[in-house]
Amino acid sequence: MAIRHNNALQRNHFRKDWDQRVKTWFNQPGKKVRRRRARVAKAVRVAPRPVDKLRPVVHCPTAKYNMRVRAGRGFSLEELKAAKIPRKYARTVGIAVDHRRQNRSEESIAANVERLNAYTSKLIVFPRKAKAAKKGDADAASTAEAKQTRIASVLPISQPKTEVDARAITSEEKEGSRYHDLRMARSDARLAGKRAAAAKKAEEEAEAKKK
């Protein structure tokens, strides 16, 4: 119903005390400085170790974004086993581990195993005791040259190439119809069970007639 004339507004709810529920963000600049100081303090505390952990390469969820890759939560136990890195040792040298993650393809295992191997090749393990170095520990020269870095900058995650190089269409590709081929393949996949059942039934009837 449209409002006409200079009448009083019906059901007017204007006294809501909105000023008591307003949320401000005036502390944003101060929070920014505080976060930066916390990052610097953490870097000093963990030095000469990296400030972040090594993360695996995983594909984004949903069909819309699954062609993109990003950093995952941690490496799966299968990937660590393929790279011959014990799961308990991995956490001590800056490798993130996710025991719940499952690999769905051989390509993902190979990519992350290669990432682990590249990390271990660059890794400098300091001995617990300088005078009693164990197997796998770095020598004095390597430890002296060690510098604190970010793993994300040393081993970045790059997006796979999705562009396809243009080429001429061959004479074999011009013959027939690709649309027809796709429809026939879809039909064969849909009717595979019915056709197998019909063939089995016909075979049983043929054997019954022979008897």
Protein backbone atom coordinates (compact mmCIF):
# COMPACT_ATOMS: atom_id res chain seq x y z
CA MET A 1 0.00 0.00 0.00
CA ALA A 2 1.45 3.34 -1.02
CA ILE A 3 1.78 6.18 1.45
CA ARG A 4 -0.46 9.15 0.75
CA HIS A 5 -0.91 12.55 2.30
CA ASN A 6 0.82 13.93 5.37
CA ASN A 7 -0.21 11.17 7.76
CA ALA A 8 1.73 9.64 10.66
CA LEU A 9 3.99 6.72 9.80
CA GLN A 10 2.58 3.41 10.97
CA ARG A 11 4.71 0.89 12.91
CA ASN A 12 7.76 3.13 13.01
CA HIS A 13 10.63 1.39 14.80
CA PHE A 14 13.29 4.04 14.97
CA ARG A 15 14.47 3.78 18.60
CA LYS A 16 16.85 0.87 18.18
CA ASP A 17 19.83 2.07 20.25
CA TRP A 18 22.02 1.41 17.23
CA ASP A 19 24.86 3.48 18.65
CA GLN A 20 25.42 0.83 21.33
CA ARG A 21 26.00 -1.88 18.71
CA VAL A 22 28.37 -0.05 16.38
CA LYS A 23 31.71 -1.82 15.86
CA THR A 24 34.69 0.37 15.03
CA TRP A 25 38.08 -0.54 13.61
CA PHE A 26 40.17 2.33 14.91
CA ASN A 27 42.80 -0.07 16.31
CA GLN A 28 43.69 -1.43 12.84
CA PRO A 29 46.95 0.58 12.44
CA GLY A 30 48.08 -0.40 15.94
CA LYS A 31 47.24 -4.07 15.34
CA LYS A 32 49.26 -3.96 12.13
CA VAL A 33 52.33 -2.71 13.99
CA ARG A 34 51.79 -5.31 16.72
CA ARG A 35 51.61 -8.17 14.21
CA ARG A 36 54.78 -6.97 12.50
CA ARG A 37 56.65 -6.79 15.80
CA ALA A 38 55.42 -10.30 16.66
CA ARG A 39 56.75 -11.61 13.34
CA VAL A 40 60.14 -9.99 13.94
CA ALA A 41 60.28 -11.37 17.48
CA LYS A 42 59.43 -14.87 16.24
CA ALA A 43 62.13 -14.67 13.54
CA VAL A 44 64.71 -13.72 16.18
CA ARG A 45 63.50 -16.47 18.50
CA VAL A 46 63.69 -19.31 15.92
CA ALA A 47 66.82 -18.10 14.10
CA PRO A 48 68.64 -19.48 12.15
CA ARG A 49 65.66 -21.75 11.37
CA PRO A 50 63.18 -20.62 8.68
CA VAL A 51 60.22 -18.59 9.88
CA ASP A 52 57.69 -20.87 8.12
CA LYS A 53 57.26 -24.59 7.37
CA LEU A 54 57.46 -26.58 4.18
CA ARG A 55 53.93 -27.13 2.81
CA PRO A 56 52.80 -29.55 0.07
CA VAL A 57 51.30 -28.63 -3.29
CA VAL A 58 47.58 -29.42 -3.36
CA HIS A 59 44.71 -28.68 -5.76
CA CYS A 60 41.90 -26.37 -4.71
CA PRO A 61 38.47 -27.97 -4.09
CA THR A 62 35.38 -27.78 -6.35
CA ALA A 63 35.27 -28.08 -10.13
CA LYS A 64 35.59 -24.32 -10.55
CA TYR A 65 39.04 -24.02 -8.97
CA ASN A 66 40.53 -27.53 -9.09
CA MET A 67 42.92 -26.57 -11.89
CA ARG A 68 44.70 -24.20 -9.48
CA VAL A 69 47.24 -25.30 -6.88
CA ARG A 70 48.01 -23.89 -3.45
CA ALA A 71 49.90 -24.74 -0.28
CA GLY A 72 48.29 -27.53 1.75
CA ARG A 73 48.22 -28.18 5.49
CA GLY A 74 50.91 -30.85 5.54
CA PHE A 75 52.51 -33.76 3.70
CA SER A 76 50.74 -37.10 3.79
CA LEU A 77 52.33 -40.16 5.38
CA GLU A 78 52.48 -41.82 1.95
CA GLU A 79 54.54 -38.94 0.55
CA LEU A 80 56.93 -39.00 3.50
CA LYS A 81 57.36 -42.75 3.09
CA ALA A 82 58.11 -42.36 -0.63
CA ALA A 83 60.70 -39.67 0.21
CA LYS A 84 62.17 -41.92 2.96
CA ILE A 85 61.65 -39.31 5.70
CA PRO A 86 60.38 -40.53 9.10
CA ARG A 87 57.20 -38.77 10.18
CA LYS A 88 58.54 -37.82 13.61
CA TYR A 89 61.82 -36.55 12.18
CA ALA A 90 59.99 -34.48 9.55
CA ARG A 91 58.39 -32.24 12.17
CA THR A 92 61.78 -31.50 13.74
CA VAL A 93 63.26 -30.10 10.51
CA GLY A 94 60.42 -27.78 9.50
CA ILE A 95 58.26 -30.14 7.39
CA ALA A 96 54.52 -29.92 8.05
CA VAL A 97 52.79 -33.32 8.40
CA ASP A 98 49.07 -34.05 7.99
CA HIS A 99 48.28 -37.65 8.91
CA ARG A 100 44.66 -37.31 7.71
CA ARG A 101 45.42 -36.27 4.14
CA GLN A 102 45.01 -38.94 1.43
CA ASN A 103 46.59 -38.91 -2.02
CA ARG A 104 44.24 -39.34 -4.98
CA SER A 105 46.75 -39.62 -7.81
CA GLU A 106 50.31 -40.67 -8.56
CA GLU A 107 51.04 -37.21 -9.96
CA SER A 108 50.41 -35.53 -6.59
CA ILE A 109 52.70 -38.01 -4.84
CA ALA A 110 55.47 -37.48 -7.39
CA ALA A 111 55.19 -33.67 -7.22
CA ASN A 112 55.36 -33.55 -3.42
CA VAL A 113 58.15 -36.16 -3.20
CA GLU A 114 60.16 -34.01 -5.59
CA ARG A 115 59.41 -31.01 -3.37
CA LEU A 116 60.61 -32.91 -0.30
CA ASN A 117 63.79 -34.00 -2.05
CA ALA A 118 64.53 -30.44 -3.13
CA TYR A 119 64.02 -29.25 0.44
CA THR A 120 66.27 -31.90 1.98
CA SER A 121 69.00 -31.11 -0.56
CA LYS A 122 69.03 -27.48 0.63
CA LEU A 123 68.56 -28.32 4.30
CA ILE A 124 71.33 -27.53 6.80
CA VAL A 125 70.92 -29.53 10.02
CA PHE A 126 72.81 -28.06 12.97
CA PRO A 127 74.34 -30.64 15.34
CA ARG A 128 72.95 -30.73 18.87
CA LYS A 129 76.51 -30.71 20.19
CA ALA A 130 79.17 -28.90 18.17
CA LYS A 131 81.91 -31.35 19.22
CA ALA A 132 79.83 -34.50 18.60
CA ALA A 133 78.17 -34.26 15.17
CA LYS A 134 75.97 -37.17 14.11
CA LYS A 135 75.23 -38.64 10.71
CA GLY A 136 73.26 -36.18 8.60
CA ASP A 137 74.45 -33.09 10.47
CA ALA A 138 76.08 -30.27 8.52
CA ASP A 139 79.76 -29.41 8.88
CA ALA A 140 81.08 -26.27 10.53
CA ALA A 141 81.55 -24.42 7.23
CA SER A 142 77.92 -24.95 6.20
CA THR A 143 76.55 -23.91 9.58
CA ALA A 144 78.65 -20.74 9.52
CA GLU A 145 77.21 -19.73 6.13
CA ALA A 146 73.59 -20.54 7.06
CA LYS A 147 71.12 -17.67 6.77
CA GLN A 148 67.52 -17.41 7.88
CA THR A 149 65.10 -17.51 4.93
CA ARG A 150 61.44 -18.07 4.11
CA ILE A 151 60.68 -21.48 2.60
CA ALA A 152 57.85 -19.97 0.55
CA SER A 153 60.40 -17.77 -1.27
CA VAL A 154 63.05 -20.49 -1.68
CA LEU A 155 60.59 -23.17 -2.91
CA PRO A 156 57.62 -21.21 -4.29
CA ILE A 157 54.45 -22.86 -5.58
CA SER A 158 53.84 -21.95 -9.22
CA GLN A 159 50.64 -22.48 -11.16
CA PRO A 160 50.72 -25.18 -13.87
CA LYS A 161 50.70 -24.08 -17.47
CA THR A 162 47.16 -24.34 -18.87
CA GLU A 163 47.73 -22.80 -22.29
CA VAL A 164 47.68 -25.15 -25.29
CA ASP A 165 49.92 -24.45 -28.27
CA ALA A 166 47.99 -23.80 -31.45
CA ARG A 167 48.42 -26.23 -34.35
CA ALA A 168 46.80 -27.11 -37.66
CA ILE A 169 43.90 -29.56 -37.76
CA THR A 170 44.90 -32.86 -39.36
CA SER A 171 42.93 -34.62 -42.09
CA GLU A 172 42.09 -37.51 -39.74
CA GLU A 173 40.54 -35.09 -37.25
CA LYS A 174 38.39 -33.52 -39.98
CA GLU A 175 36.77 -36.88 -40.76
CA GLY A 176 33.68 -37.79 -38.76
CA SER A 177 32.13 -35.78 -35.94
CA ARG A 178 33.64 -35.26 -32.51
CA TYR A 179 30.19 -34.51 -31.10
CA HIS A 180 28.93 -37.87 -32.38
CA ASP A 181 31.94 -39.65 -30.89
CA LEU A 182 31.32 -38.08 -27.48
CA ARG A 183 27.61 -38.96 -27.56
CA MET A 184 28.34 -42.54 -28.57
CA ALA A 185 30.94 -42.92 -25.82
CA ARG A 186 28.46 -41.56 -23.29
CA SER A 187 25.75 -43.92 -24.56
CA ASP A 188 28.09 -46.94 -24.47
CA ALA A 189 29.08 -46.15 -20.90
CA ARG A 190 25.44 -45.73 -19.85
CA LEU A 191 24.22 -48.95 -21.53
CA ALA A 192 27.24 -51.12 -20.68
CA GLY A 193 25.48 -52.88 -17.80
CA LYS A 194 22.25 -53.56 -19.70
CA ARG A 195 24.13 -54.87 -22.73
CA ALA A 196 26.26 -57.18 -20.59
CA ALA A 197 23.14 -58.51 -18.82
CA ALA A 198 21.37 -59.06 -22.16
CA ALA A 199 24.37 -60.90 -23.61
CA LYS A 200 24.60 -63.11 -20.53
CA LYS A 201 20.88 -63.88 -20.71
CA ALA A 202 21.09 -64.76 -24.41
CA GLU A 203 24.07 -67.03 -23.70
CA GLU A 204 22.16 -68.84 -20.94
CA GLU A 205 19.11 -69.29 -23.22
CA ALA A 206 21.33 -70.69 -25.97
CA GLU A 207 22.86 -73.21 -23.53
CA ALA A 208 19.39 -74.18 -22.29
CA LYS A 209 18.23 -74.92 -25.86
CA LYS A 210 21.25 -77.16 -26.47
CA LYS A 211 20.32 -79.27 -23.47
